[in-house]
Structure formats: C-alpha cells, structure tokens
PDB file of N, CA and C in Angstrom:
ATOM      1  N   MET A   1     -42.012  -2.899   2.266  1.00  0.00           N
ATOM      2  CA  MET A   1     -41.441  -3.057   0.912  1.00  0.00           C
ATOM      3  C   MET A   1     -42.032  -2.098  -0.044  1.00  0.00           C
ATOM      4  N   ILE A   2     -41.208  -1.466  -0.914  1.00  0.00           N
ATOM      5  CA  ILE A   2     -41.577  -0.402  -1.889  1.00  0.00           C
ATOM      6  C   ILE A   2     -41.007  -0.907  -3.233  1.00  0.00           C
ATOM      7  N   PRO A   3     -41.617  -0.606  -4.393  1.00  0.00           N
ATOM      8  CA  PRO A   3     -40.959  -0.832  -5.596  1.00  0.00           C
ATOM      9  C   PRO A   3     -39.756  -0.165  -5.896  1.00  0.00           C
ATOM     10  N   LEU A   4     -38.876  -0.708  -6.634  1.00  0.00           N
ATOM     11  CA  LEU A   4     -37.504  -0.103  -6.880  1.00  0.00           C
ATOM     12  C   LEU A   4     -37.682   1.233  -7.521  1.00  0.00           C
ATOM     13  N   VAL A   5     -38.762   1.469  -8.318  1.00  0.00           N
ATOM     14  CA  VAL A   5     -38.893   2.773  -8.941  1.00  0.00           C
ATOM     15  C   VAL A   5     -39.017   4.006  -7.945  1.00  0.00           C
ATOM     16  N   PHE A   6     -39.326   3.671  -6.683  1.00  0.00           N
ATOM     17  CA  PHE A   6     -39.505   4.825  -5.672  1.00  0.00           C
ATOM     18  C   PHE A   6     -38.217   4.994  -4.948  1.00  0.00           C
ATOM     19  N   ALA A   7     -37.155   4.204  -5.178  1.00  0.00           N
ATOM     20  CA  ALA A   7     -35.799   4.265  -4.415  1.00  0.00           C
ATOM     21  C   ALA A   7     -35.174   5.633  -4.758  1.00  0.00           C
ATOM     22  N   SER A   8     -34.388   6.163  -3.814  1.00  0.00           N
ATOM     23  CA  SER A   8     -33.648   7.364  -4.013  1.00  0.00           C
ATOM     24  C   SER A   8     -32.333   7.056  -4.596  1.00  0.00           C
ATOM     25  N   ALA A   9     -31.830   7.875  -5.537  1.00  0.00           N
ATOM     26  CA  ALA A   9     -30.669   7.708  -6.233  1.00  0.00           C
ATOM     27  C   ALA A   9     -29.439   7.719  -5.176  1.00  0.00           C
ATOM     28  N   GLY A  10     -28.500   6.777  -5.432  1.00  0.00           N
ATOM     29  CA  GLY A  10     -27.301   6.806  -4.680  1.00  0.00           C
ATOM     30  C   GLY A  10     -27.380   5.864  -3.464  1.00  0.00           C
ATOM     31  N   GLU A  11     -28.515   5.404  -3.021  1.00  0.00           N
ATOM     32  CA  GLU A  11     -28.699   4.601  -1.891  1.00  0.00           C
ATOM     33  C   GLU A  11     -28.839   3.035  -2.246  1.00  0.00           C
ATOM     34  N   GLU A  12     -27.804   2.357  -1.584  1.00  0.00           N
ATOM     35  CA  GLU A  12     -27.813   0.872  -1.898  1.00  0.00           C
ATOM     36  C   GLU A  12     -28.956   0.184  -1.202  1.00  0.00           C
ATOM     37  N   GLN A  13     -29.743  -0.603  -1.877  1.00  0.00           N
ATOM     38  CA  GLN A  13     -30.934  -1.264  -1.389  1.00  0.00           C
ATOM     39  C   GLN A  13     -30.739  -2.770  -1.530  1.00  0.00           C
ATOM     40  N   VAL A  14     -31.539  -3.510  -0.654  1.00  0.00           N
ATOM     41  CA  VAL A  14     -31.515  -4.988  -0.774  1.00  0.00           C
ATOM     42  C   VAL A  14     -32.888  -5.448  -1.448  1.00  0.00           C
ATOM     43  N   ILE A  15     -32.749  -6.308  -2.408  1.00  0.00           N
ATOM     44  CA  ILE A  15     -33.954  -6.791  -3.052  1.00  0.00           C
ATOM     45  C   ILE A  15     -34.617  -7.812  -2.117  1.00  0.00           C
ATOM     46  N   LYS A  16     -35.961  -7.563  -1.863  1.00  0.00           N
ATOM     47  CA  LYS A  16     -36.707  -8.520  -0.972  1.00  0.00           C
ATOM     48  C   LYS A  16     -37.648  -9.320  -1.710  1.00  0.00           C
ATOM     49  N   LYS A  17     -38.150  -8.956  -2.965  1.00  0.00           N
ATOM     50  CA  LYS A  17     -39.024  -9.763  -3.633  1.00  0.00           C
ATOM     51  C   LYS A  17     -39.078  -9.385  -5.049  1.00  0.00           C
ATOM     52  N   ILE A  18     -39.220 -10.335  -5.978  1.00  0.00           N
ATOM     53  CA  ILE A  18     -39.426 -10.091  -7.413  1.00  0.00           C
ATOM     54  C   ILE A  18     -40.703 -10.636  -7.859  1.00  0.00           C
ATOM     55  N   GLY A  19     -41.577  -9.758  -8.482  1.00  0.00           N
ATOM     56  CA  GLY A  19     -42.797 -10.158  -8.903  1.00  0.00           C
ATOM     57  C   GLY A  19     -42.863 -10.366 -10.390  1.00  0.00           C
ATOM     58  N   GLY A  20     -44.086 -10.738 -10.834  1.00  0.00           N
ATOM     59  CA  GLY A  20     -44.274 -11.029 -12.280  1.00  0.00           C
ATOM     60  C   GLY A  20     -44.357 -12.498 -12.526  1.00  0.00           C
ATOM     61  N   ASN A  21     -44.623 -12.869 -13.798  1.00  0.00           N
ATOM     62  CA  ASN A  21     -44.730 -14.224 -14.171  1.00  0.00           C
ATOM     63  C   ASN A  21     -43.301 -14.884 -14.264  1.00  0.00           C
ATOM     64  N   GLU A  22     -43.313 -16.094 -14.493  1.00  0.00           N
ATOM     65  CA  GLU A  22     -41.951 -16.902 -14.437  1.00  0.00           C
ATOM     66  C   GLU A  22     -41.020 -16.321 -15.549  1.00  0.00           C
ATOM     67  N   GLU A  23     -41.449 -15.922 -16.620  1.00  0.00           N
ATOM     68  CA  GLU A  23     -40.602 -15.369 -17.699  1.00  0.00           C
ATOM     69  C   GLU A  23     -39.967 -14.072 -17.285  1.00  0.00           C
ATOM     70  N   VAL A  24     -40.744 -13.240 -16.652  1.00  0.00           N
ATOM     71  CA  VAL A  24     -40.232 -11.938 -16.223  1.00  0.00           C
ATOM     72  C   VAL A  24     -39.201 -12.183 -15.146  1.00  0.00           C
ATOM     73  N   LYS A  25     -39.462 -13.037 -14.125  1.00  0.00           N
ATOM     74  CA  LYS A  25     -38.597 -13.348 -13.040  1.00  0.00           C
ATOM     75  C   LYS A  25     -37.238 -13.947 -13.507  1.00  0.00           C
ATOM     76  N   ARG A  26     -37.365 -14.816 -14.516  1.00  0.00           N
ATOM     77  CA  ARG A  26     -36.204 -15.430 -15.095  1.00  0.00           C
ATOM     78  C   ARG A  26     -35.319 -14.367 -15.801  1.00  0.00           C
ATOM     79  N   HIS A  27     -36.005 -13.527 -16.572  1.00  0.00           N
ATOM     80  CA  HIS A  27     -35.287 -12.388 -17.359  1.00  0.00           C
ATOM     81  C   HIS A  27     -34.578 -11.423 -16.247  1.00  0.00           C
ATOM     82  N   LEU A  28     -35.150 -11.055 -15.164  1.00  0.00           N
ATOM     83  CA  LEU A  28     -34.615 -10.164 -14.240  1.00  0.00           C
ATOM     84  C   LEU A  28     -33.423 -10.926 -13.524  1.00  0.00           C
ATOM     85  N   GLU A  29     -33.602 -12.254 -13.235  1.00  0.00           N
ATOM     86  CA  GLU A  29     -32.531 -13.042 -12.621  1.00  0.00           C
ATOM     87  C   GLU A  29     -31.285 -13.129 -13.459  1.00  0.00           C
ATOM     88  N   ASN A  30     -31.494 -13.201 -14.843  1.00  0.00           N
ATOM     89  CA  ASN A  30     -30.461 -13.243 -15.856  1.00  0.00           C
ATOM     90  C   ASN A  30     -29.676 -11.944 -15.856  1.00  0.00           C
ATOM     91  N   LEU A  31     -30.372 -10.765 -15.563  1.00  0.00           N
ATOM     92  CA  LEU A  31     -29.704  -9.537 -15.529  1.00  0.00           C
ATOM     93  C   LEU A  31     -29.026  -9.311 -14.222  1.00  0.00           C
ATOM     94  N   GLY A  32     -29.154 -10.156 -13.185  1.00  0.00           N
ATOM     95  CA  GLY A  32     -28.514 -10.002 -11.942  1.00  0.00           C
ATOM     96  C   GLY A  32     -29.370  -9.665 -10.736  1.00  0.00           C
ATOM     97  N   PHE A  33     -30.708  -9.531 -10.909  1.00  0.00           N
ATOM     98  CA  PHE A  33     -31.579  -9.163  -9.938  1.00  0.00           C
ATOM     99  C   PHE A  33     -32.010 -10.449  -9.176  1.00  0.00           C
ATOM    100  N   THR A  34     -31.544 -10.611  -7.946  1.00  0.00           N
ATOM    101  CA  THR A  34     -31.909 -11.842  -7.146  1.00  0.00           C
ATOM    102  C   THR A  34     -32.209 -11.386  -5.824  1.00  0.00           C
ATOM    103  N   VAL A  35     -33.205 -12.084  -5.119  1.00  0.00           N
ATOM    104  CA  VAL A  35     -33.680 -11.759  -3.813  1.00  0.00           C
ATOM    105  C   VAL A  35     -32.475 -11.923  -2.838  1.00  0.00           C
ATOM    106  N   GLY A  36     -32.272 -10.886  -1.992  1.00  0.00           N
ATOM    107  CA  GLY A  36     -31.154 -10.814  -1.139  1.00  0.00           C
ATOM    108  C   GLY A  36     -29.975 -10.064  -1.611  1.00  0.00           C
ATOM    109  N   GLY A  37     -30.011  -9.788  -3.028  1.00  0.00           N
ATOM    110  CA  GLY A  37     -28.887  -9.083  -3.689  1.00  0.00           C
ATOM    111  C   GLY A  37     -29.089  -7.589  -3.478  1.00  0.00           C
ATOM    112  N   ASN A  38     -28.032  -6.820  -3.779  1.00  0.00           N
ATOM    113  CA  ASN A  38     -27.966  -5.325  -3.596  1.00  0.00           C
ATOM    114  C   ASN A  38     -28.189  -4.685  -4.965  1.00  0.00           C
ATOM    115  N   VAL A  39     -28.882  -3.525  -4.937  1.00  0.00           N
ATOM    116  CA  VAL A  39     -29.114  -2.769  -6.070  1.00  0.00           C
ATOM    117  C   VAL A  39     -28.992  -1.307  -5.697  1.00  0.00           C
ATOM    118  N   THR A  40     -28.415  -0.411  -6.532  1.00  0.00           N
ATOM    119  CA  THR A  40     -28.338   1.006  -6.308  1.00  0.00           C
ATOM    120  C   THR A  40     -28.857   1.711  -7.535  1.00  0.00           C
ATOM    121  N   VAL A  41     -29.775   2.603  -7.343  1.00  0.00           N
ATOM    122  CA  VAL A  41     -30.293   3.448  -8.401  1.00  0.00           C
ATOM    123  C   VAL A  41     -29.242   4.561  -8.571  1.00  0.00           C
ATOM    124  N   ILE A  42     -28.856   4.552  -9.891  1.00  0.00           N
ATOM    125  CA  ILE A  42     -27.858   5.621 -10.338  1.00  0.00           C
ATOM    126  C   ILE A  42     -28.596   6.902 -10.882  1.00  0.00           C
ATOM    127  N   ASN A  43     -29.677   6.695 -11.634  1.00  0.00           N
ATOM    128  CA  ASN A  43     -30.344   7.880 -12.102  1.00  0.00           C
ATOM    129  C   ASN A  43     -31.852   7.404 -12.452  1.00  0.00           C
ATOM    130  N   SER A  44     -32.686   8.311 -12.402  1.00  0.00           N
ATOM    131  CA  SER A  44     -34.151   8.095 -12.729  1.00  0.00           C
ATOM    132  C   SER A  44     -34.591   9.179 -13.606  1.00  0.00           C
ATOM    133  N   LEU A  45     -35.337   8.852 -14.700  1.00  0.00           N
ATOM    134  CA  LEU A  45     -35.876   9.918 -15.585  1.00  0.00           C
ATOM    135  C   LEU A  45     -37.270   9.476 -16.123  1.00  0.00           C
ATOM    136  N   ALA A  46     -38.320  10.004 -15.833  1.00  0.00           N
ATOM    137  CA  ALA A  46     -39.656   9.868 -16.271  1.00  0.00           C
ATOM    138  C   ALA A  46     -40.052   8.332 -15.978  1.00  0.00           C
ATOM    139  N   GLY A  47     -39.641   7.813 -14.780  1.00  0.00           N
ATOM    140  CA  GLY A  47     -40.067   6.427 -14.361  1.00  0.00           C
ATOM    141  C   GLY A  47     -39.007   5.431 -14.845  1.00  0.00           C
ATOM    142  N   ASN A  48     -38.305   5.701 -15.839  1.00  0.00           N
ATOM    143  CA  ASN A  48     -37.202   4.777 -16.323  1.00  0.00           C
ATOM    144  C   ASN A  48     -36.010   4.970 -15.402  1.00  0.00           C
ATOM    145  N   ILE A  49     -35.270   3.867 -15.071  1.00  0.00           N
ATOM    146  CA  ILE A  49     -34.267   3.959 -14.239  1.00  0.00           C
ATOM    147  C   ILE A  49     -32.941   3.260 -14.600  1.00  0.00           C
ATOM    148  N   ILE A  50     -31.810   3.759 -14.244  1.00  0.00           N
ATOM    149  CA  ILE A  50     -30.582   3.067 -14.390  1.00  0.00           C
ATOM    150  C   ILE A  50     -30.084   2.620 -13.101  1.00  0.00           C
ATOM    151  N   VAL A  51     -29.677   1.339 -12.917  1.00  0.00           N
ATOM    152  CA  VAL A  51     -29.277   0.855 -11.649  1.00  0.00           C
ATOM    153  C   VAL A  51     -28.008   0.086 -11.783  1.00  0.00           C
ATOM    154  N   LYS A  52     -27.282  -0.023 -10.722  1.00  0.00           N
ATOM    155  CA  LYS A  52     -26.101  -0.801 -10.566  1.00  0.00           C
ATOM    156  C   LYS A  52     -26.396  -2.106  -9.824  1.00  0.00           C
ATOM    157  N   VAL A  53     -26.142  -3.191 -10.436  1.00  0.00           N
ATOM    158  CA  VAL A  53     -26.435  -4.495  -9.881  1.00  0.00           C
ATOM    159  C   VAL A  53     -25.189  -5.389 -10.205  1.00  0.00           C
ATOM    160  N   LYS A  54     -24.680  -6.032  -9.257  1.00  0.00           N
ATOM    161  CA  LYS A  54     -23.466  -6.881  -9.466  1.00  0.00           C
ATOM    162  C   LYS A  54     -22.454  -6.312 -10.417  1.00  0.00           C
ATOM    163  N   GLU A  55     -22.050  -5.099 -10.053  1.00  0.00           N
ATOM    164  CA  GLU A  55     -21.029  -4.402 -10.853  1.00  0.00           C
ATOM    165  C   GLU A  55     -21.281  -4.058 -12.249  1.00  0.00           C
ATOM    166  N   SER A  56     -22.537  -4.101 -12.561  1.00  0.00           N
ATOM    167  CA  SER A  56     -23.029  -3.844 -14.028  1.00  0.00           C
ATOM    168  C   SER A  56     -24.103  -2.740 -13.819  1.00  0.00           C
ATOM    169  N   ARG A  57     -24.147  -1.905 -14.917  1.00  0.00           N
ATOM    170  CA  ARG A  57     -25.253  -1.013 -14.997  1.00  0.00           C
ATOM    171  C   ARG A  57     -26.403  -1.521 -15.915  1.00  0.00           C
ATOM    172  N   VAL A  58     -27.618  -1.390 -15.454  1.00  0.00           N
ATOM    173  CA  VAL A  58     -28.770  -1.953 -16.176  1.00  0.00           C
ATOM    174  C   VAL A  58     -29.838  -0.836 -16.275  1.00  0.00           C
ATOM    175  N   ALA A  59     -30.342  -0.655 -17.409  1.00  0.00           N
ATOM    176  CA  ALA A  59     -31.491   0.330 -17.566  1.00  0.00           C
ATOM    177  C   ALA A  59     -32.901  -0.496 -17.491  1.00  0.00           C
ATOM    178  N   LEU A  60     -33.765  -0.038 -16.865  1.00  0.00           N
ATOM    179  CA  LEU A  60     -35.116  -0.702 -16.631  1.00  0.00           C
ATOM    180  C   LEU A  60     -36.178   0.379 -16.949  1.00  0.00           C
ATOM    181  N   ASN A  61     -37.267  -0.168 -17.556  1.00  0.00           N
ATOM    182  CA  ASN A  61     -38.455   0.730 -17.795  1.00  0.00           C
ATOM    183  C   ASN A  61     -39.290   0.729 -16.417  1.00  0.00           C
ATOM    184  N   GLU A  62     -40.128   1.585 -16.298  1.00  0.00           N
ATOM    185  CA  GLU A  62     -40.965   1.656 -15.127  1.00  0.00           C
ATOM    186  C   GLU A  62     -41.747   0.448 -14.778  1.00  0.00           C
ATOM    187  N   GLU A  63     -42.213  -0.278 -15.724  1.00  0.00           N
ATOM    188  CA  GLU A  63     -43.043  -1.554 -15.537  1.00  0.00           C
ATOM    189  C   GLU A  63     -42.144  -2.605 -15.020  1.00  0.00           C
ATOM    190  N   MET A  64     -40.928  -2.742 -15.353  1.00  0.00           N
ATOM    191  CA  MET A  64     -40.008  -3.805 -14.763  1.00  0.00           C
ATOM    192  C   MET A  64     -39.617  -3.290 -13.450  1.00  0.00           C
ATOM    193  N   ALA A  65     -39.254  -2.043 -13.200  1.00  0.00           N
ATOM    194  CA  ALA A  65     -38.808  -1.536 -11.940  1.00  0.00           C
ATOM    195  C   ALA A  65     -39.774  -1.765 -10.883  1.00  0.00           C
ATOM    196  N   ARG A  66     -41.165  -1.759 -11.209  1.00  0.00           N
ATOM    197  CA  ARG A  66     -42.183  -1.962 -10.243  1.00  0.00           C
ATOM    198  C   ARG A  66     -42.306  -3.273  -9.827  1.00  0.00           C
ATOM    199  N   LYS A  67     -41.793  -4.206 -10.499  1.00  0.00           N
ATOM    200  CA  LYS A  67     -41.852  -5.661 -10.112  1.00  0.00           C
ATOM    201  C   LYS A  67     -40.691  -6.017  -9.161  1.00  0.00           C
ATOM    202  N   ILE A  68     -39.785  -5.205  -9.014  1.00  0.00           N
ATOM    203  CA  ILE A  68     -38.658  -5.412  -8.012  1.00  0.00           C
ATOM    204  C   ILE A  68     -38.955  -4.660  -6.697  1.00  0.00           C
ATOM    205  N   MET A  69     -39.179  -5.490  -5.640  1.00  0.00           N
ATOM    206  CA  MET A  69     -39.455  -4.839  -4.357  1.00  0.00           C
ATOM    207  C   MET A  69     -38.252  -4.710  -3.432  1.00  0.00           C
ATOM    208  N   ILE A  70     -38.076  -3.574  -2.741  1.00  0.00           N
ATOM    209  CA  ILE A  70     -36.910  -3.395  -1.840  1.00  0.00           C
ATOM    210  C   ILE A  70     -37.431  -3.100  -0.450  1.00  0.00           C
TER     211      ILE A  70
END
C-alpha cells in the first residue's frame, strides 16, 4: 500500500485504507472516498492533487492525500 499522493496520473486505483481520526475519515467518506472504491489521479502539483472519485472531481491537499492508501 502506498499513499494516494504517490499515484501516477491517469491510472485508476482502488482505495485500500483510509487513515486519520474519525472526523477526517467521515469528511473523506462524504467526499466519496470509501474503502474498495476507485479513484483516479487527474493532476498533481506541489503535492496537491485533483482526483476523480465517483464521477466527481475533488481537490485534496498533500496532508489529506497521504491519509488515503491505495
């Protein structure tokens, strides 16, 4: 498992684990990040990433992207 921040752009990945406290996990789940779900990195710039999850585009900072393991 590696953090989402290290994923290559354009490749669909499966979320294996979501770290952080309960508030962070709930926030990410509300955005569509669930264990077993698919996520695709669209673009990455200075650690911040734009991903496609459940037909939506979401921007994450590096700290949040490191909590999502693929």
